[in-house]
Amino acid sequence: MYQTWAEDDSFGIAGGGFPINVQGQVLGAICVSGLVQEEDHQIVTEAIANIKAIQHI
């Protein structure tokens, strides 16, 4: 999936955004902005990990 986006000039690849995939379907995305890319991305991945832990996914 990433390879397709990397070759498409209409997409910007940056930290802070994360697609929500369920059974191979992209249903949405979580995005954070305002910090440096690495910190934006860390907030997103921590939030997803916390949700998964609460829901026992």
N, C-alpha and C. Protein backbone atom coordinates (compact mmCIF):
# COMPACT_ATOMS: atom_id res chain seq x y z
N MET A 1 0.82 -1.18 0.00
CA MET A 1 0.00 0.00 0.00
C MET A 1 0.87 1.26 0.00
N TYR A 2 1.90 1.31 0.83
CA TYR A 2 2.77 2.49 0.90
C TYR A 2 3.42 2.78 -0.43
N GLN A 3 3.84 1.77 -1.14
CA GLN A 3 4.50 1.97 -2.43
C GLN A 3 3.61 2.74 -3.40
N THR A 4 2.33 2.45 -3.41
CA THR A 4 1.39 3.16 -4.27
C THR A 4 1.34 4.63 -3.90
N TRP A 5 1.26 4.93 -2.60
CA TRP A 5 1.22 6.32 -2.15
C TRP A 5 2.52 7.03 -2.45
N ALA A 6 3.65 6.35 -2.29
CA ALA A 6 4.95 6.98 -2.50
C ALA A 6 5.13 7.42 -3.94
N GLU A 7 4.48 6.76 -4.86
CA GLU A 7 4.60 7.09 -6.28
C GLU A 7 3.56 8.10 -6.74
N ASP A 8 2.63 8.48 -5.88
CA ASP A 8 1.54 9.39 -6.24
C ASP A 8 1.87 10.79 -5.74
N ASP A 9 2.06 11.75 -6.65
CA ASP A 9 2.45 13.11 -6.29
C ASP A 9 1.36 13.86 -5.53
N SER A 10 0.14 13.34 -5.47
CA SER A 10 -0.93 14.05 -4.76
C SER A 10 -0.91 13.76 -3.26
N PHE A 11 -0.06 12.83 -2.80
CA PHE A 11 0.05 12.50 -1.39
C PHE A 11 1.34 13.08 -0.82
N GLY A 12 1.28 13.53 0.42
CA GLY A 12 2.47 13.95 1.15
C GLY A 12 2.74 12.95 2.25
N ILE A 13 3.90 12.34 2.26
CA ILE A 13 4.25 11.36 3.27
C ILE A 13 4.92 12.10 4.43
N ALA A 14 4.28 12.08 5.60
CA ALA A 14 4.81 12.76 6.77
C ALA A 14 4.30 12.06 8.02
N GLY A 15 5.04 12.22 9.09
CA GLY A 15 4.62 11.66 10.37
C GLY A 15 3.39 12.37 10.89
N GLY A 16 2.61 11.70 11.71
CA GLY A 16 1.44 12.31 12.32
C GLY A 16 0.13 11.81 11.77
N GLY A 17 0.17 11.02 10.73
CA GLY A 17 -1.04 10.45 10.15
C GLY A 17 -0.93 8.94 10.11
N PHE A 18 -2.03 8.28 10.35
CA PHE A 18 -2.02 6.82 10.39
C PHE A 18 -3.35 6.31 9.87
N PRO A 19 -3.35 5.47 8.84
CA PRO A 19 -4.62 4.95 8.31
C PRO A 19 -5.24 3.94 9.26
N ILE A 20 -6.56 3.87 9.26
CA ILE A 20 -7.28 2.87 10.04
C ILE A 20 -7.74 1.79 9.07
N ASN A 21 -7.10 0.63 9.16
CA ASN A 21 -7.41 -0.51 8.30
C ASN A 21 -8.17 -1.55 9.10
N VAL A 22 -9.30 -2.00 8.56
CA VAL A 22 -10.07 -3.07 9.18
C VAL A 22 -10.33 -4.10 8.09
N GLN A 23 -9.79 -5.29 8.29
CA GLN A 23 -9.95 -6.39 7.35
C GLN A 23 -9.56 -5.97 5.93
N GLY A 24 -8.42 -5.25 5.82
CA GLY A 24 -7.90 -4.88 4.51
C GLY A 24 -8.53 -3.65 3.88
N GLN A 25 -9.50 -3.05 4.54
CA GLN A 25 -10.18 -1.85 4.03
C GLN A 25 -9.73 -0.63 4.83
N VAL A 26 -9.35 0.44 4.14
CA VAL A 26 -9.04 1.69 4.82
C VAL A 26 -10.36 2.38 5.13
N LEU A 27 -10.68 2.51 6.44
CA LEU A 27 -11.96 3.09 6.85
C LEU A 27 -11.83 4.54 7.28
N GLY A 28 -10.62 4.98 7.53
CA GLY A 28 -10.43 6.35 7.98
C GLY A 28 -8.97 6.57 8.32
N ALA A 29 -8.73 7.63 9.08
CA ALA A 29 -7.36 7.94 9.48
C ALA A 29 -7.38 8.73 10.78
N ILE A 30 -6.28 8.65 11.49
CA ILE A 30 -6.05 9.47 12.67
C ILE A 30 -4.89 10.38 12.33
N CYS A 31 -5.06 11.66 12.57
CA CYS A 31 -4.00 12.62 12.25
C CYS A 31 -3.76 13.56 13.42
N VAL A 32 -2.49 13.86 13.67
CA VAL A 32 -2.08 14.81 14.69
C VAL A 32 -1.09 15.76 14.04
N SER A 33 -1.21 17.04 14.35
CA SER A 33 -0.29 18.02 13.78
C SER A 33 -0.01 19.10 14.81
N GLY A 34 1.16 19.68 14.72
CA GLY A 34 1.51 20.79 15.61
C GLY A 34 2.87 20.64 16.26
N LEU A 35 3.33 19.41 16.33
CA LEU A 35 4.67 19.15 16.87
C LEU A 35 5.57 18.73 15.71
N VAL A 36 6.81 18.36 16.01
CA VAL A 36 7.65 17.82 14.94
C VAL A 36 7.06 16.48 14.52
N GLN A 37 7.32 16.05 13.30
CA GLN A 37 6.69 14.85 12.74
C GLN A 37 6.81 13.63 13.64
N GLU A 38 7.99 13.42 14.21
CA GLU A 38 8.20 12.23 15.03
C GLU A 38 7.29 12.24 16.27
N GLU A 39 7.12 13.42 16.88
CA GLU A 39 6.27 13.52 18.06
C GLU A 39 4.79 13.39 17.69
N ASP A 40 4.40 13.99 16.56
CA ASP A 40 3.03 13.80 16.08
C ASP A 40 2.74 12.32 15.90
N HIS A 41 3.64 11.62 15.25
CA HIS A 41 3.44 10.20 14.97
C HIS A 41 3.44 9.37 16.26
N GLN A 42 4.27 9.75 17.22
CA GLN A 42 4.31 9.02 18.49
C GLN A 42 2.97 9.14 19.22
N ILE A 43 2.36 10.32 19.19
CA ILE A 43 1.06 10.51 19.82
C ILE A 43 0.02 9.60 19.17
N VAL A 44 0.03 9.53 17.84
CA VAL A 44 -0.93 8.68 17.12
C VAL A 44 -0.73 7.21 17.49
N THR A 45 0.50 6.73 17.45
CA THR A 45 0.73 5.30 17.71
C THR A 45 0.43 4.96 19.17
N GLU A 46 0.70 5.86 20.10
CA GLU A 46 0.36 5.61 21.50
C GLU A 46 -1.16 5.57 21.70
N ALA A 47 -1.88 6.47 21.02
CA ALA A 47 -3.33 6.47 21.13
C ALA A 47 -3.92 5.17 20.61
N ILE A 48 -3.42 4.71 19.47
CA ILE A 48 -3.91 3.44 18.91
C ILE A 48 -3.61 2.28 19.85
N ALA A 49 -2.41 2.25 20.42
CA ALA A 49 -2.05 1.19 21.35
C ALA A 49 -2.95 1.20 22.57
N ASN A 50 -3.27 2.40 23.09
CA ASN A 50 -4.15 2.50 24.25
C ASN A 50 -5.57 2.02 23.93
N ILE A 51 -6.07 2.38 22.78
CA ILE A 51 -7.42 1.93 22.37
C ILE A 51 -7.44 0.42 22.23
N LYS A 52 -6.41 -0.14 21.58
CA LYS A 52 -6.36 -1.59 21.41
C LYS A 52 -6.30 -2.29 22.77
N ALA A 53 -5.56 -1.74 23.72
CA ALA A 53 -5.44 -2.36 25.04
C ALA A 53 -6.78 -2.33 25.78
N ILE A 54 -7.49 -1.22 25.67
CA ILE A 54 -8.79 -1.10 26.34
C ILE A 54 -9.81 -2.06 25.73
N GLN A 55 -9.78 -2.19 24.42
CA GLN A 55 -10.75 -3.05 23.74
C GLN A 55 -10.28 -4.48 23.61
N HIS A 56 -9.09 -4.78 24.09
CA HIS A 56 -8.51 -6.12 24.02
C HIS A 56 -8.47 -6.65 22.60
N ILE A 57 -8.04 -5.79 21.69
CA ILE A 57 -7.97 -6.18 20.28
C ILE A 57 -6.66 -6.90 20.03
